[in-house]
Amino acid sequence: MSGSARRKILLPAILVLLVASASFAQETRRFRGVEFFRDTLWLGNSDGDSAPSPILGVWGAGASFSLGRDFFLLPEMGFYGLDYFYRDGKALPAEIEYADAAGTLVVLVDSLAARSFSITPDTLSVTLGTGPAFSFKIPIIRHGDSPAGEVGSYFIQKMRFLHWEIKAALEWNLTRSLGLSIRLRTLLPVYRIWDPAPFYDGLMAGAGLGLRLRI
């Protein structure tokens, strides 16, 4: 990948992290805890001449900040890997055996506004949240003659990293400081508004488990 393409990928990621860091610093006194999670997400792919819609294993962590009674800010960062090849001006998911693919690290960053609804006092609750999400795709491994630069640039063009996320979680407090959660999340590809394709192309949806540590 060229230096220009790297900068185009890294600058939005750095901006998001700086904004998140500023928010963290401002809201330190409202910090409630962290969550480590593992999600399984389906990624829609409408191109019949590439890999079927892949199933992704996403590992990550997030934090929780109180915004008032039952309202929270939930920033998260997750990671997964996927191979892409480039054809006819498009980057497409590749089968494992595809010779000329780019091994790509994908960084999912979101910051959701959420509200919690108690089911049983201090034990079970449901949290619903929504907000912007970003999927930054960074080619890091070249297989064969993969045009890694084109793969990285494709997802920068037309803001193909921009999503809107909807999330729900069933939270179970095991102790005052330890809890488990069952997570459901959907990331809608906002860029499909100006980049026509079947809307499910780029959509991510699935479920996962979280381990929550509270202060």
N, C-alpha and C. Protein backbone atom coordinates (compact mmCIF):
# COMPACT_ATOMS: atom_id res chain seq x y z
N MET A 1 0.85 -1.19 0.00
CA MET A 1 0.00 0.00 0.00
C MET A 1 0.88 1.23 0.00
N SER A 2 0.50 2.23 -0.78
CA SER A 2 1.30 3.45 -0.87
C SER A 2 1.18 4.26 0.41
N GLY A 3 2.17 5.17 0.59
CA GLY A 3 2.12 6.03 1.76
C GLY A 3 0.87 6.88 1.80
N SER A 4 0.43 7.34 0.62
CA SER A 4 -0.79 8.16 0.55
C SER A 4 -2.00 7.38 1.01
N ALA A 5 -2.10 6.11 0.57
CA ALA A 5 -3.25 5.29 0.97
C ALA A 5 -3.22 5.02 2.47
N ARG A 6 -2.02 4.77 3.00
CA ARG A 6 -1.93 4.54 4.46
C ARG A 6 -2.40 5.75 5.23
N ARG A 7 -2.00 6.95 4.76
CA ARG A 7 -2.42 8.16 5.47
C ARG A 7 -3.93 8.33 5.40
N LYS A 8 -4.52 7.99 4.26
CA LYS A 8 -5.97 8.13 4.12
C LYS A 8 -6.71 7.18 5.05
N ILE A 9 -6.12 6.02 5.34
CA ILE A 9 -6.74 5.09 6.28
C ILE A 9 -6.49 5.53 7.72
N LEU A 10 -5.26 5.90 8.02
CA LEU A 10 -4.87 6.16 9.40
C LEU A 10 -5.44 7.48 9.93
N LEU A 11 -5.54 8.50 9.10
CA LEU A 11 -6.00 9.80 9.60
C LEU A 11 -7.42 9.74 10.17
N PRO A 12 -8.40 9.12 9.47
CA PRO A 12 -9.72 9.01 10.11
C PRO A 12 -9.69 8.21 11.40
N ALA A 13 -8.88 7.13 11.43
CA ALA A 13 -8.79 6.32 12.64
C ALA A 13 -8.20 7.13 13.79
N ILE A 14 -7.14 7.89 13.49
CA ILE A 14 -6.52 8.71 14.53
C ILE A 14 -7.49 9.77 15.03
N LEU A 15 -8.26 10.38 14.11
CA LEU A 15 -9.23 11.40 14.51
C LEU A 15 -10.28 10.80 15.44
N VAL A 16 -10.78 9.62 15.08
CA VAL A 16 -11.77 8.97 15.95
C VAL A 16 -11.18 8.69 17.33
N LEU A 17 -9.95 8.19 17.37
CA LEU A 17 -9.31 7.87 18.64
C LEU A 17 -9.06 9.12 19.47
N LEU A 18 -8.68 10.23 18.81
CA LEU A 18 -8.45 11.47 19.54
C LEU A 18 -9.75 11.99 20.16
N VAL A 19 -10.82 11.95 19.37
CA VAL A 19 -12.11 12.39 19.90
C VAL A 19 -12.53 11.50 21.06
N ALA A 20 -12.34 10.17 20.88
CA ALA A 20 -12.70 9.25 21.96
C ALA A 20 -11.85 9.50 23.20
N SER A 21 -10.54 9.75 22.99
CA SER A 21 -9.66 10.00 24.14
C SER A 21 -10.05 11.27 24.88
N ALA A 22 -10.41 12.31 24.13
CA ALA A 22 -10.86 13.55 24.77
C ALA A 22 -12.13 13.32 25.58
N SER A 23 -13.03 12.54 25.01
CA SER A 23 -14.26 12.23 25.73
C SER A 23 -13.96 11.43 26.99
N PHE A 24 -13.02 10.48 26.86
CA PHE A 24 -12.65 9.67 28.02
C PHE A 24 -12.09 10.55 29.14
N ALA A 25 -11.20 11.46 28.75
CA ALA A 25 -10.59 12.32 29.76
C ALA A 25 -11.64 13.18 30.46
N GLN A 26 -12.58 13.68 29.67
CA GLN A 26 -13.61 14.55 30.24
C GLN A 26 -14.57 13.77 31.13
N GLU A 27 -14.79 12.51 30.78
CA GLU A 27 -15.80 11.73 31.49
C GLU A 27 -15.20 10.72 32.46
N THR A 28 -13.92 10.88 32.83
CA THR A 28 -13.28 9.92 33.71
C THR A 28 -14.06 9.70 35.00
N ARG A 29 -14.59 10.77 35.56
CA ARG A 29 -15.34 10.63 36.81
C ARG A 29 -16.64 9.86 36.62
N ARG A 30 -17.08 9.70 35.36
CA ARG A 30 -18.30 8.95 35.09
C ARG A 30 -18.02 7.55 34.56
N PHE A 31 -16.78 7.15 34.56
CA PHE A 31 -16.38 5.84 34.08
C PHE A 31 -17.00 4.75 34.95
N ARG A 32 -17.64 3.75 34.31
CA ARG A 32 -18.34 2.70 35.04
C ARG A 32 -17.66 1.34 34.96
N GLY A 33 -16.85 1.14 33.93
CA GLY A 33 -16.21 -0.17 33.81
C GLY A 33 -15.90 -0.50 32.36
N VAL A 34 -15.44 -1.74 32.13
CA VAL A 34 -15.06 -2.18 30.80
C VAL A 34 -15.76 -3.50 30.48
N GLU A 35 -15.80 -3.81 29.19
CA GLU A 35 -16.36 -5.09 28.75
C GLU A 35 -15.44 -5.67 27.68
N PHE A 36 -15.12 -6.96 27.82
CA PHE A 36 -14.38 -7.70 26.81
C PHE A 36 -15.36 -8.62 26.10
N PHE A 37 -15.30 -8.66 24.77
CA PHE A 37 -16.33 -9.39 24.04
C PHE A 37 -15.77 -10.19 22.89
N ARG A 38 -16.58 -11.16 22.49
CA ARG A 38 -16.32 -11.92 21.28
C ARG A 38 -17.65 -12.04 20.54
N ASP A 39 -17.71 -11.45 19.35
CA ASP A 39 -18.92 -11.46 18.54
C ASP A 39 -18.71 -12.32 17.30
N THR A 40 -19.79 -12.91 16.83
CA THR A 40 -19.82 -13.60 15.55
C THR A 40 -20.76 -12.84 14.63
N LEU A 41 -20.23 -12.26 13.55
CA LEU A 41 -21.01 -11.40 12.67
C LEU A 41 -21.03 -11.96 11.25
N TRP A 42 -22.19 -11.87 10.62
CA TRP A 42 -22.35 -12.18 9.20
C TRP A 42 -22.13 -10.90 8.41
N LEU A 43 -21.31 -10.99 7.34
CA LEU A 43 -21.03 -9.85 6.48
C LEU A 43 -21.65 -10.10 5.11
N GLY A 44 -22.61 -9.27 4.73
CA GLY A 44 -23.29 -9.46 3.46
C GLY A 44 -22.39 -9.19 2.27
N ASN A 45 -22.45 -10.09 1.28
CA ASN A 45 -21.71 -9.93 0.03
C ASN A 45 -22.62 -10.34 -1.12
N SER A 46 -22.94 -9.41 -2.00
CA SER A 46 -23.89 -9.68 -3.07
C SER A 46 -23.24 -10.16 -4.36
N ASP A 47 -21.91 -10.20 -4.43
CA ASP A 47 -21.21 -10.60 -5.65
C ASP A 47 -21.10 -12.12 -5.71
N GLY A 48 -21.78 -12.73 -6.68
CA GLY A 48 -21.81 -14.18 -6.77
C GLY A 48 -20.52 -14.80 -7.27
N ASP A 49 -19.58 -13.99 -7.79
CA ASP A 49 -18.32 -14.52 -8.30
C ASP A 49 -17.18 -14.35 -7.31
N SER A 50 -17.49 -14.09 -6.05
CA SER A 50 -16.48 -14.01 -5.00
C SER A 50 -16.90 -14.95 -3.87
N ALA A 51 -16.26 -14.82 -2.73
CA ALA A 51 -16.58 -15.71 -1.61
C ALA A 51 -18.01 -15.49 -1.14
N PRO A 52 -18.66 -16.54 -0.63
CA PRO A 52 -19.98 -16.33 -0.03
C PRO A 52 -19.88 -15.35 1.14
N SER A 53 -21.02 -14.82 1.53
CA SER A 53 -21.03 -13.87 2.65
C SER A 53 -20.30 -14.49 3.84
N PRO A 54 -19.18 -13.89 4.26
CA PRO A 54 -18.35 -14.53 5.30
C PRO A 54 -18.92 -14.36 6.70
N ILE A 55 -18.52 -15.27 7.57
CA ILE A 55 -18.81 -15.21 9.00
C ILE A 55 -17.55 -14.75 9.72
N LEU A 56 -17.67 -13.70 10.50
CA LEU A 56 -16.50 -13.04 11.11
C LEU A 56 -16.45 -13.30 12.60
N GLY A 57 -15.27 -13.54 13.09
CA GLY A 57 -15.04 -13.61 14.53
C GLY A 57 -14.39 -12.32 15.00
N VAL A 58 -15.11 -11.53 15.78
CA VAL A 58 -14.65 -10.20 16.20
C VAL A 58 -14.31 -10.24 17.69
N TRP A 59 -13.08 -9.89 18.02
CA TRP A 59 -12.63 -9.78 19.41
C TRP A 59 -12.41 -8.30 19.74
N GLY A 60 -12.78 -7.89 20.96
CA GLY A 60 -12.56 -6.49 21.29
C GLY A 60 -12.90 -6.16 22.72
N ALA A 61 -12.91 -4.87 22.98
CA ALA A 61 -13.19 -4.36 24.33
C ALA A 61 -13.85 -3.00 24.21
N GLY A 62 -14.58 -2.64 25.23
CA GLY A 62 -15.25 -1.35 25.26
C GLY A 62 -15.32 -0.81 26.67
N ALA A 63 -15.83 0.38 26.80
CA ALA A 63 -15.96 1.03 28.09
C ALA A 63 -17.38 1.55 28.24
N SER A 64 -17.72 1.90 29.47
CA SER A 64 -19.06 2.43 29.75
C SER A 64 -18.92 3.68 30.60
N PHE A 65 -19.63 4.75 30.18
CA PHE A 65 -19.62 6.02 30.89
C PHE A 65 -21.07 6.44 31.17
N SER A 66 -21.32 6.84 32.38
CA SER A 66 -22.66 7.28 32.75
C SER A 66 -22.94 8.68 32.20
N LEU A 67 -24.12 8.84 31.58
CA LEU A 67 -24.57 10.14 31.10
C LEU A 67 -25.76 10.64 31.91
N GLY A 68 -26.07 9.96 32.96
CA GLY A 68 -27.24 10.28 33.77
C GLY A 68 -27.96 8.99 34.12
N ARG A 69 -29.05 9.10 34.81
CA ARG A 69 -29.78 7.91 35.25
C ARG A 69 -30.18 7.03 34.07
N ASP A 70 -29.65 5.83 34.02
CA ASP A 70 -29.97 4.81 33.02
C ASP A 70 -29.51 5.16 31.60
N PHE A 71 -28.74 6.23 31.41
CA PHE A 71 -28.22 6.59 30.09
C PHE A 71 -26.69 6.48 30.10
N PHE A 72 -26.13 5.96 28.99
CA PHE A 72 -24.71 5.66 28.96
C PHE A 72 -24.09 5.97 27.59
N LEU A 73 -22.78 6.19 27.59
CA LEU A 73 -21.98 6.25 26.38
C LEU A 73 -21.14 4.98 26.33
N LEU A 74 -21.20 4.26 25.22
CA LEU A 74 -20.55 2.96 25.12
C LEU A 74 -19.59 2.92 23.92
N PRO A 75 -18.38 3.42 24.05
CA PRO A 75 -17.39 3.29 22.96
C PRO A 75 -16.76 1.90 22.98
N GLU A 76 -16.51 1.34 21.79
CA GLU A 76 -15.90 0.02 21.67
C GLU A 76 -14.91 0.00 20.51
N MET A 77 -14.01 -0.97 20.58
CA MET A 77 -13.11 -1.24 19.46
C MET A 77 -12.96 -2.74 19.32
N GLY A 78 -13.16 -3.25 18.10
CA GLY A 78 -13.02 -4.68 17.84
C GLY A 78 -12.14 -4.93 16.63
N PHE A 79 -11.69 -6.18 16.49
CA PHE A 79 -10.76 -6.54 15.42
C PHE A 79 -11.15 -7.88 14.80
N TYR A 80 -11.00 -7.97 13.47
CA TYR A 80 -11.10 -9.25 12.79
C TYR A 80 -10.25 -9.20 11.53
N GLY A 81 -10.01 -10.36 10.94
CA GLY A 81 -9.21 -10.44 9.72
C GLY A 81 -10.01 -11.06 8.59
N LEU A 82 -9.75 -10.62 7.35
CA LEU A 82 -10.45 -11.14 6.18
C LEU A 82 -9.58 -10.91 4.95
N ASP A 83 -9.59 -11.88 4.02
CA ASP A 83 -8.86 -11.73 2.76
C ASP A 83 -9.75 -11.07 1.72
N TYR A 84 -9.17 -10.10 0.97
CA TYR A 84 -9.86 -9.44 -0.12
C TYR A 84 -9.03 -9.54 -1.40
N PHE A 85 -9.73 -9.68 -2.54
CA PHE A 85 -9.07 -9.51 -3.82
C PHE A 85 -9.72 -8.34 -4.55
N TYR A 86 -9.06 -7.91 -5.61
CA TYR A 86 -9.49 -6.70 -6.33
C TYR A 86 -9.78 -7.06 -7.78
N ARG A 87 -11.02 -6.71 -8.22
CA ARG A 87 -11.42 -7.03 -9.58
C ARG A 87 -12.43 -6.01 -10.08
N ASP A 88 -12.22 -5.52 -11.31
CA ASP A 88 -13.17 -4.60 -11.94
C ASP A 88 -13.49 -3.40 -11.06
N GLY A 89 -12.44 -2.87 -10.40
CA GLY A 89 -12.62 -1.68 -9.59
C GLY A 89 -13.27 -1.91 -8.24
N LYS A 90 -13.36 -3.18 -7.79
CA LYS A 90 -13.99 -3.49 -6.52
C LYS A 90 -13.12 -4.41 -5.69
N ALA A 91 -13.12 -4.22 -4.38
CA ALA A 91 -12.48 -5.14 -3.44
C ALA A 91 -13.55 -6.09 -2.91
N LEU A 92 -13.30 -7.40 -3.05
CA LEU A 92 -14.30 -8.40 -2.72
C LEU A 92 -13.72 -9.46 -1.79
N PRO A 93 -14.54 -10.03 -0.90
CA PRO A 93 -14.04 -11.11 -0.04
C PRO A 93 -13.53 -12.28 -0.87
N ALA A 94 -12.40 -12.84 -0.46
CA ALA A 94 -11.76 -13.91 -1.22
C ALA A 94 -11.89 -15.23 -0.47
N GLU A 95 -12.00 -16.31 -1.24
CA GLU A 95 -11.90 -17.65 -0.66
C GLU A 95 -10.50 -17.84 -0.09
N ILE A 96 -10.38 -18.76 0.86
CA ILE A 96 -9.09 -18.99 1.52
C ILE A 96 -8.02 -19.39 0.51
N GLU A 97 -8.41 -20.18 -0.50
CA GLU A 97 -7.42 -20.68 -1.45
C GLU A 97 -7.10 -19.70 -2.57
N TYR A 98 -7.72 -18.52 -2.59
CA TYR A 98 -7.49 -17.56 -3.67
C TYR A 98 -6.04 -17.06 -3.60
N ALA A 99 -5.34 -17.12 -4.76
CA ALA A 99 -3.89 -16.88 -4.76
C ALA A 99 -3.52 -15.42 -4.57
N ASP A 100 -4.26 -14.51 -5.17
CA ASP A 100 -3.85 -13.10 -5.20
C ASP A 100 -4.77 -12.25 -4.33
N ALA A 101 -4.71 -12.47 -3.03
CA ALA A 101 -5.58 -11.76 -2.10
C ALA A 101 -4.73 -11.00 -1.08
N ALA A 102 -5.34 -9.99 -0.49
CA ALA A 102 -4.66 -9.20 0.55
C ALA A 102 -5.25 -9.56 1.91
N GLY A 103 -4.40 -10.04 2.80
CA GLY A 103 -4.82 -10.30 4.18
C GLY A 103 -5.04 -8.96 4.87
N THR A 104 -6.28 -8.72 5.30
CA THR A 104 -6.68 -7.39 5.77
C THR A 104 -7.09 -7.42 7.24
N LEU A 105 -6.51 -6.52 8.01
CA LEU A 105 -6.94 -6.30 9.39
C LEU A 105 -8.05 -5.27 9.38
N VAL A 106 -9.17 -5.61 9.99
CA VAL A 106 -10.30 -4.69 10.05
C VAL A 106 -10.48 -4.24 11.50
N VAL A 107 -10.53 -2.92 11.69
CA VAL A 107 -10.73 -2.33 13.01
C VAL A 107 -12.12 -1.72 13.05
N LEU A 108 -12.97 -2.25 13.93
CA LEU A 108 -14.31 -1.72 14.11
C LEU A 108 -14.31 -0.77 15.31
N VAL A 109 -14.71 0.46 15.07
CA VAL A 109 -14.77 1.47 16.13
C VAL A 109 -16.19 2.03 16.17
N ASP A 110 -16.76 2.09 17.36
CA ASP A 110 -18.08 2.70 17.49
C ASP A 110 -18.18 3.48 18.79
N SER A 111 -19.20 4.30 18.89
CA SER A 111 -19.49 5.05 20.11
C SER A 111 -20.99 5.26 20.16
N LEU A 112 -21.65 4.47 20.99
CA LEU A 112 -23.10 4.43 21.00
C LEU A 112 -23.68 5.13 22.22
N ALA A 113 -24.79 5.79 22.01
CA ALA A 113 -25.59 6.30 23.12
C ALA A 113 -26.60 5.21 23.47
N ALA A 114 -26.73 4.89 24.75
CA ALA A 114 -27.54 3.75 25.15
C ALA A 114 -28.37 4.05 26.39
N ARG A 115 -29.43 3.25 26.55
CA ARG A 115 -30.24 3.32 27.74
C ARG A 115 -30.45 1.91 28.29
N SER A 116 -30.44 1.81 29.61
CA SER A 116 -30.61 0.53 30.28
C SER A 116 -32.01 0.44 30.89
N PHE A 117 -32.62 -0.74 30.79
CA PHE A 117 -33.95 -1.00 31.35
C PHE A 117 -33.84 -2.18 32.31
N SER A 118 -34.18 -1.98 33.55
CA SER A 118 -34.06 -3.03 34.56
C SER A 118 -35.17 -4.07 34.41
N ILE A 119 -34.78 -5.34 34.50
CA ILE A 119 -35.76 -6.44 34.51
C ILE A 119 -35.97 -6.92 35.93
N THR A 120 -34.89 -7.24 36.61
CA THR A 120 -34.92 -7.55 38.04
C THR A 120 -33.88 -6.68 38.72
N PRO A 121 -34.21 -6.05 39.84
CA PRO A 121 -33.29 -5.10 40.48
C PRO A 121 -31.91 -5.69 40.74
N ASP A 122 -30.89 -4.99 40.22
CA ASP A 122 -29.49 -5.31 40.48
C ASP A 122 -29.02 -6.64 39.89
N THR A 123 -29.86 -7.31 39.08
CA THR A 123 -29.45 -8.60 38.52
C THR A 123 -29.53 -8.65 37.01
N LEU A 124 -30.72 -8.46 36.45
CA LEU A 124 -30.91 -8.54 35.01
C LEU A 124 -31.37 -7.21 34.46
N SER A 125 -30.82 -6.84 33.30
CA SER A 125 -31.25 -5.63 32.62
C SER A 125 -31.05 -5.77 31.12
N VAL A 126 -31.72 -4.94 30.36
CA VAL A 126 -31.56 -4.88 28.92
C VAL A 126 -31.05 -3.49 28.56
N THR A 127 -30.02 -3.44 27.72
CA THR A 127 -29.47 -2.17 27.25
C THR A 127 -29.67 -2.06 25.74
N LEU A 128 -30.19 -0.92 25.30
CA LEU A 128 -30.39 -0.64 23.88
C LEU A 128 -29.57 0.58 23.50
N GLY A 129 -28.84 0.50 22.39
CA GLY A 129 -27.99 1.61 22.00
C GLY A 129 -27.91 1.77 20.49
N THR A 130 -27.54 2.96 20.06
CA THR A 130 -27.37 3.23 18.64
C THR A 130 -26.37 4.38 18.47
N GLY A 131 -25.74 4.41 17.29
CA GLY A 131 -24.77 5.46 17.02
C GLY A 131 -23.89 5.11 15.83
N PRO A 132 -22.96 5.99 15.48
CA PRO A 132 -22.09 5.76 14.32
C PRO A 132 -21.04 4.69 14.60
N ALA A 133 -20.65 4.00 13.54
CA ALA A 133 -19.59 2.99 13.63
C ALA A 133 -18.73 3.08 12.37
N PHE A 134 -17.47 2.68 12.52
CA PHE A 134 -16.51 2.79 11.43
C PHE A 134 -15.76 1.47 11.30
N SER A 135 -15.58 1.00 10.06
CA SER A 135 -14.81 -0.22 9.81
C SER A 135 -13.60 0.14 8.95
N PHE A 136 -12.45 0.27 9.59
CA PHE A 136 -11.22 0.65 8.91
C PHE A 136 -10.48 -0.61 8.46
N LYS A 137 -10.30 -0.76 7.15
CA LYS A 137 -9.70 -1.97 6.58
C LYS A 137 -8.27 -1.66 6.16
N ILE A 138 -7.33 -2.40 6.75
CA ILE A 138 -5.91 -2.13 6.56
C ILE A 138 -5.23 -3.40 6.02
N PRO A 139 -4.92 -3.46 4.71
CA PRO A 139 -4.21 -4.62 4.17
C PRO A 139 -2.81 -4.72 4.79
N ILE A 140 -2.51 -5.90 5.34
CA ILE A 140 -1.22 -6.06 6.02
C ILE A 140 -0.40 -7.22 5.45
N ILE A 141 -1.05 -8.16 4.73
CA ILE A 141 -0.34 -9.32 4.19
C ILE A 141 -0.70 -9.45 2.71
N ARG A 142 0.29 -9.55 1.86
CA ARG A 142 0.06 -9.73 0.43
C ARG A 142 0.26 -11.19 0.05
N HIS A 143 -0.77 -11.76 -0.56
CA HIS A 143 -0.67 -13.12 -1.10
C HIS A 143 -0.54 -13.01 -2.62
N GLY A 144 0.51 -13.59 -3.17
CA GLY A 144 0.70 -13.55 -4.62
C GLY A 144 0.86 -12.12 -5.11
N ASP A 145 0.12 -11.78 -6.16
CA ASP A 145 0.21 -10.45 -6.77
C ASP A 145 -0.95 -9.56 -6.34
N SER A 146 -1.36 -9.69 -5.12
CA SER A 146 -2.49 -8.90 -4.64
C SER A 146 -2.19 -7.41 -4.69
N PRO A 147 -3.08 -6.61 -5.28
CA PRO A 147 -2.91 -5.15 -5.28
C PRO A 147 -3.41 -4.56 -3.96
N ALA A 148 -2.61 -4.70 -2.91
CA ALA A 148 -3.05 -4.31 -1.58
C ALA A 148 -3.42 -2.83 -1.52
N GLY A 149 -2.68 -1.99 -2.26
CA GLY A 149 -2.99 -0.56 -2.24
C GLY A 149 -4.38 -0.27 -2.75
N GLU A 150 -4.77 -0.95 -3.84
CA GLU A 150 -6.11 -0.74 -4.39
C GLU A 150 -7.20 -1.22 -3.44
N VAL A 151 -6.92 -2.32 -2.74
CA VAL A 151 -7.89 -2.82 -1.75
C VAL A 151 -8.11 -1.79 -0.65
N GLY A 152 -7.02 -1.25 -0.11
CA GLY A 152 -7.14 -0.24 0.94
C GLY A 152 -7.84 1.01 0.46
N SER A 153 -7.48 1.47 -0.74
CA SER A 153 -8.08 2.69 -1.27
C SER A 153 -9.56 2.53 -1.56
N TYR A 154 -9.98 1.34 -1.98
CA TYR A 154 -11.38 1.12 -2.33
C TYR A 154 -12.30 1.44 -1.16
N PHE A 155 -11.90 1.04 0.03
CA PHE A 155 -12.76 1.23 1.20
C PHE A 155 -12.72 2.66 1.75
N ILE A 156 -11.72 3.43 1.33
CA ILE A 156 -11.68 4.85 1.70
C ILE A 156 -12.58 5.66 0.77
N GLN A 157 -12.55 5.28 -0.50
CA GLN A 157 -13.37 5.99 -1.48
C GLN A 157 -14.85 5.87 -1.13
N LYS A 158 -15.58 6.94 -1.31
CA LYS A 158 -17.02 6.99 -1.04
C LYS A 158 -17.37 6.63 0.40
N MET A 159 -16.39 6.75 1.29
CA MET A 159 -16.59 6.51 2.73
C MET A 159 -17.20 5.14 2.97
N ARG A 160 -16.60 4.12 2.34
CA ARG A 160 -17.13 2.77 2.50
C ARG A 160 -16.78 2.16 3.85
N PHE A 161 -16.36 2.98 4.78
CA PHE A 161 -16.10 2.55 6.16
C PHE A 161 -17.19 3.02 7.12
N LEU A 162 -18.19 3.75 6.62
CA LEU A 162 -19.16 4.40 7.50
C LEU A 162 -20.41 3.53 7.66
N HIS A 163 -20.76 3.27 8.92
CA HIS A 163 -21.94 2.47 9.26
C HIS A 163 -22.77 3.20 10.33
N TRP A 164 -23.99 2.72 10.49
CA TRP A 164 -24.80 3.11 11.65
C TRP A 164 -25.17 1.84 12.39
N GLU A 165 -24.89 1.82 13.69
CA GLU A 165 -25.04 0.59 14.48
C GLU A 165 -26.25 0.65 15.39
N ILE A 166 -26.90 -0.50 15.52
CA ILE A 166 -27.98 -0.71 16.49
C ILE A 166 -27.59 -1.92 17.32
N LYS A 167 -27.64 -1.78 18.64
CA LYS A 167 -27.18 -2.85 19.50
C LYS A 167 -28.13 -3.06 20.67
N ALA A 168 -28.27 -4.32 21.07
CA ALA A 168 -29.05 -4.67 22.27
C ALA A 168 -28.23 -5.68 23.06
N ALA A 169 -28.36 -5.63 24.39
CA ALA A 169 -27.63 -6.56 25.24
C ALA A 169 -28.48 -6.94 26.44
N LEU A 170 -28.48 -8.22 26.74
CA LEU A 170 -29.07 -8.71 27.98
C LEU A 170 -27.93 -8.86 28.98
N GLU A 171 -27.99 -8.14 30.08
CA GLU A 171 -26.88 -8.09 31.03
C GLU A 171 -27.28 -8.77 32.34
N TRP A 172 -26.37 -9.62 32.81
CA TRP A 172 -26.60 -10.39 34.04
C TRP A 172 -25.46 -10.09 35.00
N ASN A 173 -25.77 -9.48 36.13
CA ASN A 173 -24.77 -9.15 37.14
C ASN A 173 -24.54 -10.36 38.04
N LEU A 174 -23.34 -10.96 37.93
CA LEU A 174 -22.99 -12.08 38.80
C LEU A 174 -22.65 -11.60 40.21
N THR A 175 -21.90 -10.51 40.27
CA THR A 175 -21.56 -9.84 41.52
C THR A 175 -21.67 -8.34 41.26
N ARG A 176 -21.32 -7.55 42.26
CA ARG A 176 -21.36 -6.10 42.09
C ARG A 176 -20.39 -5.62 41.02
N SER A 177 -19.27 -6.33 40.83
CA SER A 177 -18.24 -5.88 39.91
C SER A 177 -18.04 -6.77 38.69
N LEU A 178 -18.77 -7.87 38.59
CA LEU A 178 -18.58 -8.82 37.50
C LEU A 178 -19.91 -9.18 36.88
N GLY A 179 -19.97 -9.17 35.55
CA GLY A 179 -21.20 -9.50 34.88
C GLY A 179 -20.97 -10.12 33.51
N LEU A 180 -22.00 -10.75 32.99
CA LEU A 180 -21.99 -11.34 31.66
C LEU A 180 -23.05 -10.66 30.81
N SER A 181 -22.84 -10.66 29.50
CA SER A 181 -23.85 -10.07 28.62
C SER A 181 -23.98 -10.92 27.36
N ILE A 182 -25.20 -10.99 26.85
CA ILE A 182 -25.49 -11.55 25.53
C ILE A 182 -25.78 -10.38 24.61
N ARG A 183 -25.00 -10.25 23.56
CA ARG A 183 -25.00 -9.06 22.72
C ARG A 183 -25.61 -9.37 21.35
N LEU A 184 -26.44 -8.46 20.84
CA LEU A 184 -26.94 -8.50 19.48
C LEU A 184 -26.57 -7.16 18.83
N ARG A 185 -26.04 -7.20 17.60
CA ARG A 185 -25.66 -5.96 16.96
C ARG A 185 -25.85 -6.04 15.44
N THR A 186 -26.21 -4.90 14.86
CA THR A 186 -26.35 -4.76 13.42
C THR A 186 -25.66 -3.48 13.01
N LEU A 187 -24.80 -3.57 11.99
CA LEU A 187 -24.11 -2.40 11.45
C LEU A 187 -24.61 -2.17 10.03
N LEU A 188 -25.35 -1.10 9.84
CA LEU A 188 -25.94 -0.78 8.55
C LEU A 188 -24.94 0.00 7.70
N PRO A 189 -24.75 -0.36 6.42
CA PRO A 189 -23.80 0.34 5.56
C PRO A 189 -24.39 1.67 5.05
N VAL A 190 -24.12 2.74 5.78
CA VAL A 190 -24.66 4.06 5.42
C VAL A 190 -24.25 4.45 4.01
N TYR A 191 -23.05 4.06 3.59
CA TYR A 191 -22.52 4.48 2.29
C TYR A 191 -23.34 3.93 1.12
N ARG A 192 -24.22 2.96 1.36
CA ARG A 192 -25.07 2.45 0.28
C ARG A 192 -26.07 3.52 -0.19
N ILE A 193 -26.25 4.56 0.59
CA ILE A 193 -27.14 5.65 0.17
C ILE A 193 -26.60 6.32 -1.09
N TRP A 194 -25.26 6.48 -1.18
CA TRP A 194 -24.66 7.15 -2.35
C TRP A 194 -23.78 6.20 -3.17
N ASP A 195 -23.66 4.95 -2.76
CA ASP A 195 -22.88 3.96 -3.50
C ASP A 195 -23.79 2.76 -3.80
N PRO A 196 -24.62 2.86 -4.84
CA PRO A 196 -25.70 1.89 -5.06
C PRO A 196 -25.20 0.46 -5.20
N ALA A 197 -25.90 -0.43 -4.50
CA ALA A 197 -25.69 -1.88 -4.54
C ALA A 197 -26.80 -2.46 -3.68
N PRO A 198 -27.03 -3.76 -3.75
CA PRO A 198 -27.99 -4.32 -2.79
C PRO A 198 -27.63 -3.89 -1.37
N PHE A 199 -28.65 -3.44 -0.60
CA PHE A 199 -28.34 -2.80 0.67
C PHE A 199 -27.65 -3.73 1.65
N TYR A 200 -27.90 -5.05 1.51
CA TYR A 200 -27.26 -5.97 2.46
C TYR A 200 -25.77 -6.15 2.17
N ASP A 201 -25.31 -5.64 1.00
CA ASP A 201 -23.89 -5.73 0.67
C ASP A 201 -23.11 -4.78 1.59
N GLY A 202 -22.37 -5.35 2.52
CA GLY A 202 -21.65 -4.55 3.51
C GLY A 202 -22.32 -4.51 4.87
N LEU A 203 -23.54 -5.02 4.95
CA LEU A 203 -24.23 -5.06 6.25
C LEU A 203 -23.60 -6.13 7.12
N MET A 204 -23.47 -5.85 8.41
CA MET A 204 -22.98 -6.82 9.37
C MET A 204 -24.03 -7.02 10.46
N ALA A 205 -24.24 -8.27 10.84
CA ALA A 205 -25.22 -8.56 11.88
C ALA A 205 -24.85 -9.86 12.57
N GLY A 206 -25.13 -9.92 13.87
CA GLY A 206 -24.82 -11.15 14.60
C GLY A 206 -24.96 -10.96 16.09
N ALA A 207 -24.32 -11.88 16.82
CA ALA A 207 -24.46 -11.92 18.28
C ALA A 207 -23.12 -12.25 18.90
N GLY A 208 -23.05 -12.09 20.21
CA GLY A 208 -21.81 -12.40 20.91
C GLY A 208 -22.00 -12.45 22.41
N LEU A 209 -20.89 -12.68 23.09
CA LEU A 209 -20.87 -12.75 24.54
C LEU A 209 -19.87 -11.73 25.08
N GLY A 210 -20.20 -11.14 26.21
CA GLY A 210 -19.31 -10.17 26.82
C GLY A 210 -19.07 -10.47 28.29
N LEU A 211 -17.91 -10.11 28.76
CA LEU A 211 -17.54 -10.19 30.18
C LEU A 211 -17.33 -8.76 30.67
N ARG A 212 -18.15 -8.33 31.64
CA ARG A 212 -18.13 -6.94 32.09
C ARG A 212 -17.48 -6.84 33.47
N LEU A 213 -16.58 -5.88 33.61
CA LEU A 213 -15.93 -5.58 34.87
C LEU A 213 -16.32 -4.17 35.27
N ARG A 214 -16.95 -3.99 36.41
CA ARG A 214 -17.40 -2.68 36.86
C ARG A 214 -16.57 -2.21 38.05
N ILE A 215 -16.44 -0.90 38.16
CA ILE A 215 -15.71 -0.35 39.29
C ILE A 215 -16.68 -0.11 40.45
